């Protein structure tokens, strides 16, 4: 992707989530549940981070949950959407913000791109990311950036959408498509390979599927818009309009109705990996091989 097209993509994604910010918190049911699962995984990790990055923080739900878990750590909430960051800042009342400021627990809010982090090398001990990697136009670039900002022995933990997400809707859309389908979401094996390629050590991957149900297709589409999952995940093209298109998609989706409800699958891929004490690559993808001189020679 050329720099100009990448910039345009970032602008589109920023505008998309700026529009979504007012409704996101109510609609992002799976995102909140997956965030709880991420925190449960941190219970199994012995880590005492001094600085934590929430990459793709959205309205700050995960940031708020990390604060009492690591009370002495500095928190950085990073998101591409200024509206999301303003929403997160506004959730705390004036007295609460004052208490947090006195205690030094107010997270730093940073507007930035996960693939071009405005952070220093080796400045983060724990990087968490909930549902941001699927929006990165270049997964490898995003992982290399997270690797760069992590300190030696630092941990990356994330949740992202897997390829079976909205599979029912994608199947209903396919016969009506008048434009190229959206890029497929990466599966957990490809993400694991990408982690190793970026230099991370000991990646652990797993996944689970959530099934939401809706009474009507418009209910589902409204949820997609309010949670921000429309756009790249189901395509962005003129064929998503018009009564004829809606009738064809509705007919295809109605064949899947069970017990009076329309199912919608969301696949969540979880992963974590460490930045090793000794580098495995140079930070730009090149492998580093170290030769040690035998002692006594």
C-alpha atoms as a PDB file:
ATOM      1  CA  UNK A   1       0.000   0.000   0.000  1.00  0.00           C
ATOM      2  CA  UNK A   2       1.337   3.455  -0.920  1.00  0.00           C
ATOM      3  CA  UNK A   3       1.822   6.034   1.865  1.00  0.00           C
ATOM      4  CA  UNK A   4      -0.983   8.195   0.438  1.00  0.00           C
ATOM      5  CA  UNK A   5      -3.479   5.325   0.345  1.00  0.00           C
ATOM      6  CA  UNK A   6      -2.464   4.252   3.853  1.00  0.00           C
ATOM      7  CA  UNK A   7      -3.069   7.807   5.075  1.00  0.00           C
ATOM      8  CA  UNK A   8      -6.480   7.832   3.416  1.00  0.00           C
ATOM      9  CA  UNK A   9      -7.290   4.530   5.084  1.00  0.00           C
ATOM     10  CA  UNK A  10      -6.346   5.910   8.508  1.00  0.00           C
ATOM     11  CA  UNK A  11      -8.543   8.925   7.918  1.00  0.00           C
ATOM     12  CA  UNK A  12     -11.456   6.711   6.925  1.00  0.00           C
ATOM     13  CA  UNK A  13     -11.063   4.513   9.996  1.00  0.00           C
ATOM     14  CA  UNK A  14     -10.756   7.572  12.260  1.00  0.00           C
ATOM     15  CA  UNK A  15     -13.944   9.081  10.840  1.00  0.00           C
ATOM     16  CA  UNK A  16     -15.695   5.719  11.114  1.00  0.00           C
ATOM     17  CA  UNK A  17     -14.987   5.387  14.848  1.00  0.00           C
ATOM     18  CA  UNK A  18     -15.584   9.061  15.530  1.00  0.00           C
ATOM     19  CA  UNK A  19     -19.125   8.463  14.256  1.00  0.00           C
ATOM     20  CA  UNK A  20     -19.424   5.210  16.213  1.00  0.00           C
ATOM     21  CA  UNK A  21     -18.184   6.576  19.552  1.00  0.00           C
ATOM     22  CA  UNK A  22     -21.588   7.581  21.007  1.00  0.00           C
ATOM     23  CA  UNK A  23     -23.093   4.103  20.492  1.00  0.00           C
ATOM     24  CA  UNK A  24     -20.044   1.841  20.809  1.00  0.00           C
ATOM     25  CA  UNK A  25     -20.105   1.213  24.544  1.00  0.00           C
ATOM     26  CA  UNK A  26     -23.713   0.011  24.505  1.00  0.00           C
ATOM     27  CA  UNK A  27     -23.346  -2.222  21.432  1.00  0.00           C
ATOM     28  CA  UNK A  28     -19.893  -3.746  22.041  1.00  0.00           C
ATOM     29  CA  UNK A  29     -21.132  -6.711  24.094  1.00  0.00           C
ATOM     30  CA  UNK A  30     -18.621  -9.248  22.775  1.00  0.00           C
ATOM     31  CA  UNK A  31     -15.755  -6.777  23.066  1.00  0.00           C
ATOM     32  CA  UNK A  32     -16.485  -6.263  26.763  1.00  0.00           C
ATOM     33  CA  UNK A  33     -16.750  -9.997  27.426  1.00  0.00           C
ATOM     34  CA  UNK A  34     -13.539 -10.722  25.547  1.00  0.00           C
ATOM     35  CA  UNK A  35     -11.817  -8.000  27.558  1.00  0.00           C
ATOM     36  CA  UNK A  36     -12.772  -9.848  30.744  1.00  0.00           C
ATOM     37  CA  UNK A  37     -11.262 -13.037  29.305  1.00  0.00           C
ATOM     38  CA  UNK A  38      -8.028 -11.169  28.552  1.00  0.00           C
ATOM     39  CA  UNK A  39      -7.843  -9.998  32.165  1.00  0.00           C
ATOM     40  CA  UNK A  40      -8.390 -13.569  33.377  1.00  0.00           C
ATOM     41  CA  UNK A  41      -5.369 -14.614  31.308  1.00  0.00           C
ATOM     42  CA  UNK A  42      -3.289 -11.948  33.023  1.00  0.00           C
ATOM     43  CA  UNK A  43      -4.041 -13.706  36.336  1.00  0.00           C
ATOM     44  CA  UNK A  44      -1.722 -16.486  35.147  1.00  0.00           C
ATOM     45  CA  UNK A  45       1.175 -14.130  34.370  1.00  0.00           C
ATOM     46  CA  UNK A  46       3.743 -12.874  36.857  1.00  0.00           C
ATOM     47  CA  UNK A  47       4.451  -9.371  35.672  1.00  0.00           C
ATOM     48  CA  UNK A  48       5.026  -6.055  37.432  1.00  0.00           C
ATOM     49  CA  UNK A  49       4.848  -3.474  34.659  1.00  0.00           C
ATOM     50  CA  UNK A  50       5.916   0.108  35.183  1.00  0.00           C
ATOM     51  CA  UNK A  51       4.235   1.328  31.998  1.00  0.00           C
ATOM     52  CA  UNK A  52       1.231  -0.214  30.215  1.00  0.00           C
ATOM     53  CA  UNK A  53      -0.111   0.487  26.736  1.00  0.00           C
ATOM     54  CA  UNK A  54      -3.748  -0.103  25.816  1.00  0.00           C
ATOM     55  CA  UNK A  55      -3.444  -0.046  22.018  1.00  0.00           C
ATOM     56  CA  UNK A  56      -6.813   0.654  20.443  1.00  0.00           C
ATOM     57  CA  UNK A  57      -8.346   1.672  23.763  1.00  0.00           C
ATOM     58  CA  UNK A  58     -11.704   2.829  22.406  1.00  0.00           C
ATOM     59  CA  UNK A  59     -13.822   4.272  25.231  1.00  0.00           C
ATOM     60  CA  UNK A  60     -11.311   3.064  27.827  1.00  0.00           C
ATOM     61  CA  UNK A  61     -13.059  -0.002  29.257  1.00  0.00           C
ATOM     62  CA  UNK A  62      -9.900  -2.136  29.326  1.00  0.00           C
ATOM     63  CA  UNK A  63      -7.777   0.799  30.506  1.00  0.00           C
ATOM     64  CA  UNK A  64     -10.090   1.284  33.488  1.00  0.00           C
ATOM     65  CA  UNK A  65      -9.890  -2.427  34.341  1.00  0.00           C
ATOM     66  CA  UNK A  66      -6.078  -2.432  34.184  1.00  0.00           C
ATOM     67  CA  UNK A  67      -5.707   0.521  36.583  1.00  0.00           C
ATOM     68  CA  UNK A  68      -6.641  -1.277  39.860  1.00  0.00           C
ATOM     69  CA  UNK A  69      -4.813  -4.418  38.746  1.00  0.00           C
ATOM     70  CA  UNK A  70      -1.517  -2.526  38.412  1.00  0.00           C
ATOM     71  CA  UNK A  71      -1.982   0.492  40.724  1.00  0.00           C
ATOM     72  CA  UNK A  72       1.624   1.660  40.495  1.00  0.00           C
ATOM     73  CA  UNK A  73       1.894   1.549  36.726  1.00  0.00           C
ATOM     74  CA  UNK A  74       1.677   4.416  34.260  1.00  0.00           C
ATOM     75  CA  UNK A  75      -1.160   3.798  31.787  1.00  0.00           C
ATOM     76  CA  UNK A  76      -1.239   4.956  28.177  1.00  0.00           C
ATOM     77  CA  UNK A  77      -4.542   4.710  26.296  1.00  0.00           C
ATOM     78  CA  UNK A  78      -3.947   4.990  22.548  1.00  0.00           C
ATOM     79  CA  UNK A  79      -6.639   5.184  19.894  1.00  0.00           C
ATOM     80  CA  UNK A  80      -6.905   6.493  16.352  1.00  0.00           C
ATOM     81  CA  UNK A  81     -10.244   8.156  17.112  1.00  0.00           C
ATOM     82  CA  UNK A  82     -10.221  11.463  19.039  1.00  0.00           C
ATOM     83  CA  UNK A  83     -13.936  11.001  19.778  1.00  0.00           C
ATOM     84  CA  UNK A  84     -13.253   7.680  21.499  1.00  0.00           C
ATOM     85  CA  UNK A  85     -10.521   9.266  23.618  1.00  0.00           C
ATOM     86  CA  UNK A  86     -12.785  12.171  24.586  1.00  0.00           C
ATOM     87  CA  UNK A  87     -15.505   9.704  25.540  1.00  0.00           C
ATOM     88  CA  UNK A  88     -13.090   7.797  27.768  1.00  0.00           C
ATOM     89  CA  UNK A  89     -11.908  10.980  29.451  1.00  0.00           C
ATOM     90  CA  UNK A  90     -15.462  12.182  30.003  1.00  0.00           C
ATOM     91  CA  UNK A  91     -16.651   9.034  31.791  1.00  0.00           C
ATOM     92  CA  UNK A  92     -14.956  10.070  35.009  1.00  0.00           C
ATOM     93  CA  UNK A  93     -16.683  12.838  36.934  1.00  0.00           C
ATOM     94  CA  UNK A  94     -14.824  15.968  38.027  1.00  0.00           C
ATOM     95  CA  UNK A  95     -14.130  14.755  41.584  1.00  0.00           C
ATOM     96  CA  UNK A  96     -13.041  11.331  40.333  1.00  0.00           C
ATOM     97  CA  UNK A  97     -10.663  12.899  37.815  1.00  0.00           C
ATOM     98  CA  UNK A  98      -9.226  15.132  40.541  1.00  0.00           C
ATOM     99  CA  UNK A  99      -8.610  12.148  42.850  1.00  0.00           C
ATOM    100  CA  UNK A 100      -7.008  10.208  40.008  1.00  0.00           C
ATOM    101  CA  UNK A 101      -4.766  13.141  39.155  1.00  0.00           C
ATOM    102  CA  UNK A 102      -3.639  13.566  42.774  1.00  0.00           C
ATOM    103  CA  UNK A 103      -2.875   9.857  43.010  1.00  0.00           C
ATOM    104  CA  UNK A 104      -1.072   9.877  39.691  1.00  0.00           C
ATOM    105  CA  UNK A 105      -3.441   7.301  38.199  1.00  0.00           C
ATOM    106  CA  UNK A 106      -4.881   9.353  35.334  1.00  0.00           C
ATOM    107  CA  UNK A 107      -4.117   7.471  32.099  1.00  0.00           C
ATOM    108  CA  UNK A 108      -2.287   9.368  29.397  1.00  0.00           C
ATOM    109  CA  UNK A 109      -4.541   9.660  26.303  1.00  0.00           C
ATOM    110  CA  UNK A 110      -2.682   9.468  23.001  1.00  0.00           C
ATOM    111  CA  UNK A 111      -4.225   9.748  19.532  1.00  0.00           C
ATOM    112  CA  UNK A 112      -2.195   7.478  17.281  1.00  0.00           C
ATOM    113  CA  UNK A 113      -2.010   4.538  14.901  1.00  0.00           C
ATOM    114  CA  UNK A 114      -1.115   1.054  16.138  1.00  0.00           C
ATOM    115  CA  UNK A 115       1.055   0.598  13.026  1.00  0.00           C
ATOM    116  CA  UNK A 116       2.982   3.849  13.725  1.00  0.00           C
ATOM    117  CA  UNK A 117       3.138   4.163  17.483  1.00  0.00           C
ATOM    118  CA  UNK A 118       4.266   7.596  18.747  1.00  0.00           C
ATOM    119  CA  UNK A 119       6.227   5.947  21.567  1.00  0.00           C
ATOM    120  CA  UNK A 120       9.908   5.441  22.305  1.00  0.00           C
ATOM    121  CA  UNK A 121      11.721   2.160  21.791  1.00  0.00           C
ATOM    122  CA  UNK A 122      11.533  -0.286  24.714  1.00  0.00           C
ATOM    123  CA  UNK A 123       9.295   2.066  26.723  1.00  0.00           C
ATOM    124  CA  UNK A 124       6.398  -0.336  27.486  1.00  0.00           C
ATOM    125  CA  UNK A 125       6.353  -3.362  29.809  1.00  0.00           C
ATOM    126  CA  UNK A 126       2.834  -4.615  29.011  1.00  0.00           C
ATOM    127  CA  UNK A 127       0.961  -3.954  25.781  1.00  0.00           C
ATOM    128  CA  UNK A 128      -2.707  -4.933  25.608  1.00  0.00           C
ATOM    129  CA  UNK A 129      -4.859  -4.604  22.524  1.00  0.00           C
ATOM    130  CA  UNK A 130      -8.551  -5.365  22.325  1.00  0.00           C
ATOM    131  CA  UNK A 131      -9.986  -5.503  18.794  1.00  0.00           C
ATOM    132  CA  UNK A 132      -7.544  -3.163  17.071  1.00  0.00           C
ATOM    133  CA  UNK A 133      -5.326  -5.542  15.095  1.00  0.00           C
ATOM    134  CA  UNK A 134      -8.123  -6.437  12.668  1.00  0.00           C
ATOM    135  CA  UNK A 135      -8.225  -2.775  11.628  1.00  0.00           C
ATOM    136  CA  UNK A 136      -4.494  -2.611  10.903  1.00  0.00           C
ATOM    137  CA  UNK A 137      -3.981  -2.512   7.157  1.00  0.00           C
ATOM    138  CA  UNK A 138      -0.670  -4.323   7.656  1.00  0.00           C
ATOM    139  CA  UNK A 139      -0.669  -6.847  10.520  1.00  0.00           C
ATOM    140  CA  UNK A 140       3.082  -7.378  10.278  1.00  0.00           C
ATOM    141  CA  UNK A 141       3.776  -3.648  10.564  1.00  0.00           C
ATOM    142  CA  UNK A 142       1.549  -3.391  13.636  1.00  0.00           C
ATOM    143  CA  UNK A 143       3.264  -6.328  15.349  1.00  0.00           C
ATOM    144  CA  UNK A 144       6.709  -4.939  14.542  1.00  0.00           C
ATOM    145  CA  UNK A 145       5.682  -1.633  16.122  1.00  0.00           C
ATOM    146  CA  UNK A 146       4.408  -3.361  19.255  1.00  0.00           C
ATOM    147  CA  UNK A 147       7.657  -5.346  19.390  1.00  0.00           C
ATOM    148  CA  UNK A 148       9.666  -2.122  19.040  1.00  0.00           C
ATOM    149  CA  UNK A 149       7.995  -0.303  21.931  1.00  0.00           C
ATOM    150  CA  UNK A 150       8.079  -3.283  24.310  1.00  0.00           C
ATOM    151  CA  UNK A 151      10.980  -3.559  26.721  1.00  0.00           C
ATOM    152  CA  UNK A 152      12.977  -6.775  26.967  1.00  0.00           C
ATOM    153  CA  UNK A 153      10.877  -9.319  28.843  1.00  0.00           C
ATOM    154  CA  UNK A 154       7.721  -7.332  28.056  1.00  0.00           C
ATOM    155  CA  UNK A 155       4.401  -8.977  27.275  1.00  0.00           C
ATOM    156  CA  UNK A 156       1.940  -8.448  24.431  1.00  0.00           C
ATOM    157  CA  UNK A 157      -1.619  -9.643  25.038  1.00  0.00           C
ATOM    158  CA  UNK A 158      -4.463  -9.146  22.579  1.00  0.00           C
ATOM    159  CA  UNK A 159      -7.858 -10.169  21.312  1.00  0.00           C
ATOM    160  CA  UNK A 160      -8.855  -9.746  17.695  1.00  0.00           C
ATOM    161  CA  UNK A 161     -11.574 -10.905  15.327  1.00  0.00           C
ATOM    162  CA  UNK A 162     -11.093 -14.213  13.522  1.00  0.00           C
ATOM    163  CA  UNK A 163     -12.175 -15.236   9.998  1.00  0.00           C
ATOM    164  CA  UNK A 164     -15.510 -16.786  11.011  1.00  0.00           C
ATOM    165  CA  UNK A 165     -16.776 -13.430  12.283  1.00  0.00           C
ATOM    166  CA  UNK A 166     -20.163 -12.562  10.715  1.00  0.00           C
ATOM    167  CA  UNK A 167     -19.865 -15.658   8.528  1.00  0.00           C
ATOM    168  CA  UNK A 168     -23.644 -15.871   8.131  1.00  0.00           C
ATOM    169  CA  UNK A 169     -23.868 -12.290   6.895  1.00  0.00           C
ATOM    170  CA  UNK A 170     -20.912 -12.725   4.569  1.00  0.00           C
ATOM    171  CA  UNK A 171     -22.594 -15.784   3.051  1.00  0.00           C
ATOM    172  CA  UNK A 172     -25.846 -13.862   2.574  1.00  0.00           C
ATOM    173  CA  UNK A 173     -23.977 -10.936   1.008  1.00  0.00           C
ATOM    174  CA  UNK A 174     -21.839 -13.016  -1.365  1.00  0.00           C
ATOM    175  CA  UNK A 175     -24.465 -13.670  -4.092  1.00  0.00           C
ATOM    176  CA  UNK A 176     -25.377  -9.969  -4.187  1.00  0.00           C
ATOM    177  CA  UNK A 177     -21.854  -8.528  -4.236  1.00  0.00           C
ATOM    178  CA  UNK A 178     -21.170  -5.985  -6.952  1.00  0.00           C
ATOM    179  CA  UNK A 179     -17.705  -5.189  -5.654  1.00  0.00           C
ATOM    180  CA  UNK A 180     -14.655  -7.079  -4.433  1.00  0.00           C
ATOM    181  CA  UNK A 181     -15.176  -8.733  -1.026  1.00  0.00           C
ATOM    182  CA  UNK A 182     -13.380  -7.288   1.993  1.00  0.00           C
ATOM    183  CA  UNK A 183      -9.992  -8.785   2.929  1.00  0.00           C
ATOM    184  CA  UNK A 184     -10.267 -11.958   4.982  1.00  0.00           C
ATOM    185  CA  UNK A 185      -9.482 -11.695   8.674  1.00  0.00           C
ATOM    186  CA  UNK A 186      -6.342 -13.560   9.746  1.00  0.00           C
ATOM    187  CA  UNK A 187      -6.776 -16.857  11.585  1.00  0.00           C
ATOM    188  CA  UNK A 188      -4.920 -17.676  14.781  1.00  0.00           C
ATOM    189  CA  UNK A 189      -2.263 -19.779  13.036  1.00  0.00           C
ATOM    190  CA  UNK A 190      -1.345 -16.936  10.690  1.00  0.00           C
ATOM    191  CA  UNK A 191      -1.249 -14.487  13.587  1.00  0.00           C
ATOM    192  CA  UNK A 192       0.984 -16.854  15.538  1.00  0.00           C
ATOM    193  CA  UNK A 193       3.361 -17.094  12.581  1.00  0.00           C
ATOM    194  CA  UNK A 194       3.333 -13.305  12.258  1.00  0.00           C
ATOM    195  CA  UNK A 195       4.233 -12.946  15.943  1.00  0.00           C
ATOM    196  CA  UNK A 196       7.260 -15.203  15.512  1.00  0.00           C
ATOM    197  CA  UNK A 197       8.217 -13.355  12.337  1.00  0.00           C
ATOM    198  CA  UNK A 198       8.117 -10.056  14.238  1.00  0.00           C
ATOM    199  CA  UNK A 199      10.529 -11.449  16.838  1.00  0.00           C
ATOM    200  CA  UNK A 200       8.176 -12.446  19.648  1.00  0.00           C
ATOM    201  CA  UNK A 201       8.840 -15.567  21.700  1.00  0.00           C
ATOM    202  CA  UNK A 202       6.571 -18.285  23.095  1.00  0.00           C
ATOM    203  CA  UNK A 203       3.310 -17.211  21.425  1.00  0.00           C
ATOM    204  CA  UNK A 204       0.159 -18.786  22.852  1.00  0.00           C
ATOM    205  CA  UNK A 205      -2.973 -18.658  20.701  1.00  0.00           C
ATOM    206  CA  UNK A 206      -6.530 -19.808  21.195  1.00  0.00           C
ATOM    207  CA  UNK A 207      -9.993 -18.844  20.000  1.00  0.00           C
ATOM    208  CA  UNK A 208     -13.664 -19.057  20.823  1.00  0.00           C
ATOM    209  CA  UNK A 209     -16.877 -18.251  19.006  1.00  0.00           C
ATOM    210  CA  UNK A 210     -19.754 -16.203  20.364  1.00  0.00           C
ATOM    211  CA  UNK A 211     -23.190 -16.444  18.770  1.00  0.00           C
ATOM    212  CA  UNK A 212     -25.455 -13.427  18.998  1.00  0.00           C
ATOM    213  CA  UNK A 213     -29.075 -13.691  17.898  1.00  0.00           C
ATOM    214  CA  UNK A 214     -31.378 -11.087  16.413  1.00  0.00           C
ATOM    215  CA  UNK A 215     -35.077 -10.919  15.650  1.00  0.00           C
ATOM    216  CA  UNK A 216     -34.655  -9.223  12.273  1.00  0.00           C
ATOM    217  CA  UNK A 217     -31.867  -8.413   9.819  1.00  0.00           C
ATOM    218  CA  UNK A 218     -32.263  -4.647  10.437  1.00  0.00           C
ATOM    219  CA  UNK A 219     -31.571  -5.347  14.135  1.00  0.00           C
ATOM    220  CA  UNK A 220     -28.325  -7.041  13.156  1.00  0.00           C
ATOM    221  CA  UNK A 221     -27.294  -4.263  10.782  1.00  0.00           C
ATOM    222  CA  UNK A 222     -28.028  -1.649  13.446  1.00  0.00           C
ATOM    223  CA  UNK A 223     -25.799  -3.541  15.896  1.00  0.00           C
ATOM    224  CA  UNK A 224     -23.039  -3.640  13.285  1.00  0.00           C
ATOM    225  CA  UNK A 225     -23.217   0.120  12.811  1.00  0.00           C
ATOM    226  CA  UNK A 226     -23.386   0.919  16.508  1.00  0.00           C
ATOM    227  CA  UNK A 227     -20.465  -1.349  17.446  1.00  0.00           C
ATOM    228  CA  UNK A 228     -18.322  -0.159  14.551  1.00  0.00           C
ATOM    229  CA  UNK A 229     -18.065  -3.634  13.010  1.00  0.00           C
ATOM    230  CA  UNK A 230     -19.449  -2.547   9.650  1.00  0.00           C
ATOM    231  CA  UNK A 231     -17.133  -1.136   6.996  1.00  0.00           C
ATOM    232  CA  UNK A 232     -14.146  -3.398   6.265  1.00  0.00           C
ATOM    233  CA  UNK A 233     -15.654  -6.403   8.021  1.00  0.00           C
ATOM    234  CA  UNK A 234     -18.662  -6.720   5.735  1.00  0.00           C
ATOM    235  CA  UNK A 235     -17.519  -4.566   2.862  1.00  0.00           C
ATOM    236  CA  UNK A 236     -17.916  -0.937   1.975  1.00  0.00           C
ATOM    237  CA  UNK A 237     -19.586  -0.584  -1.410  1.00  0.00           C
ATOM    238  CA  UNK A 238     -22.640   0.850  -3.192  1.00  0.00           C
ATOM    239  CA  UNK A 239     -24.273  -2.558  -3.391  1.00  0.00           C
ATOM    240  CA  UNK A 240     -25.144  -2.273   0.323  1.00  0.00           C
ATOM    241  CA  UNK A 241     -28.100  -0.084  -0.604  1.00  0.00           C
ATOM    242  CA  UNK A 242     -31.469  -0.443  -2.285  1.00  0.00           C
ATOM    243  CA  UNK A 243     -34.624  -2.431  -1.662  1.00  0.00           C
ATOM    244  CA  UNK A 244     -33.713  -5.160  -4.153  1.00  0.00           C
ATOM    245  CA  UNK A 245     -30.413  -5.777  -2.393  1.00  0.00           C
ATOM    246  CA  UNK A 246     -32.075  -5.862   1.040  1.00  0.00           C
ATOM    247  CA  UNK A 247     -34.696  -8.321  -0.166  1.00  0.00           C
ATOM    248  CA  UNK A 248     -32.076 -10.716  -1.565  1.00  0.00           C
ATOM    249  CA  UNK A 249     -29.898 -10.572   1.540  1.00  0.00           C
ATOM    250  CA  UNK A 250     -32.895 -10.986   3.840  1.00  0.00           C
ATOM    251  CA  UNK A 251     -34.060 -14.040   1.896  1.00  0.00           C
ATOM    252  CA  UNK A 252     -30.586 -15.614   2.148  1.00  0.00           C
ATOM    253  CA  UNK A 253     -30.306 -14.904   5.852  1.00  0.00           C
ATOM    254  CA  UNK A 254     -33.843 -16.100   6.657  1.00  0.00           C
ATOM    255  CA  UNK A 255     -32.811 -19.610   5.647  1.00  0.00           C
ATOM    256  CA  UNK A 256     -30.562 -19.616   8.740  1.00  0.00           C
ATOM    257  CA  UNK A 257     -33.275 -18.666  11.232  1.00  0.00           C
ATOM    258  CA  UNK A 258     -33.467 -21.020  14.217  1.00  0.00           C
ATOM    259  CA  UNK A 259     -36.009 -20.875  17.041  1.00  0.00           C
ATOM    260  CA  UNK A 260     -37.274 -17.591  15.724  1.00  0.00           C
ATOM    261  CA  UNK A 261     -33.882 -15.849  15.820  1.00  0.00           C
ATOM    262  CA  UNK A 262     -31.176 -15.021  13.268  1.00  0.00           C
ATOM    263  CA  UNK A 263     -27.708 -16.168  14.385  1.00  0.00           C
ATOM    264  CA  UNK A 264     -24.549 -14.069  14.018  1.00  0.00           C
ATOM    265  CA  UNK A 265     -21.168 -15.617  14.804  1.00  0.00           C
ATOM    266  CA  UNK A 266     -18.234 -13.651  16.151  1.00  0.00           C
ATOM    267  CA  UNK A 267     -14.905 -15.476  16.320  1.00  0.00           C
ATOM    268  CA  UNK A 268     -12.460 -14.044  18.847  1.00  0.00           C
ATOM    269  CA  UNK A 269      -8.779 -14.919  18.603  1.00  0.00           C
ATOM    270  CA  UNK A 270      -6.739 -14.463  21.789  1.00  0.00           C
ATOM    271  CA  UNK A 271      -2.978 -14.397  21.935  1.00  0.00           C
ATOM    272  CA  UNK A 272      -0.020 -13.426  24.012  1.00  0.00           C
ATOM    273  CA  UNK A 273       3.724 -13.471  23.425  1.00  0.00           C
ATOM    274  CA  UNK A 274       6.880 -12.127  25.016  1.00  0.00           C
ATOM    275  CA  UNK A 275       9.628  -9.888  23.791  1.00  0.00           C
ATOM    276  CA  UNK A 276      12.656 -12.062  24.590  1.00  0.00           C
ATOM    277  CA  UNK A 277      15.535 -10.872  26.745  1.00  0.00           C
ATOM    278  CA  UNK A 278      17.820 -11.409  23.738  1.00  0.00           C
ATOM    279  CA  UNK A 279      16.636 -10.095  20.340  1.00  0.00           C
ATOM    280  CA  UNK A 280      15.593 -12.546  17.634  1.00  0.00           C
ATOM    281  CA  UNK A 281      15.460  -9.954  14.899  1.00  0.00           C
ATOM    282  CA  UNK A 282      16.698  -6.463  14.205  1.00  0.00           C
ATOM    283  CA  UNK A 283      13.317  -4.790  14.597  1.00  0.00           C
ATOM    284  CA  UNK A 284      12.729  -4.614  10.844  1.00  0.00           C
ATOM    285  CA  UNK A 285      12.118  -8.333  10.294  1.00  0.00           C
ATOM    286  CA  UNK A 286      15.724  -9.400   9.697  1.00  0.00           C
ATOM    287  CA  UNK A 287      16.915 -12.354  11.772  1.00  0.00           C
ATOM    288  CA  UNK A 288      19.753 -11.852  14.252  1.00  0.00           C
ATOM    289  CA  UNK A 289      22.081 -14.798  14.906  1.00  0.00           C
ATOM    290  CA  UNK A 290      24.587 -14.489  17.745  1.00  0.00           C
ATOM    291  CA  UNK A 291      27.825 -16.500  17.909  1.00  0.00           C
ATOM    292  CA  UNK A 292      29.389 -16.894  21.328  1.00  0.00           C
ATOM    293  CA  UNK A 293      33.130 -17.594  21.682  1.00  0.00           C
ATOM    294  CA  UNK A 294      33.639 -20.720  23.844  1.00  0.00           C
ATOM    295  CA  UNK A 295      35.077 -19.927  27.255  1.00  0.00           C
ATOM    296  CA  UNK A 296      38.748 -20.703  27.815  1.00  0.00           C
ATOM    297  CA  UNK A 297      39.793 -19.843  24.223  1.00  0.00           C
END
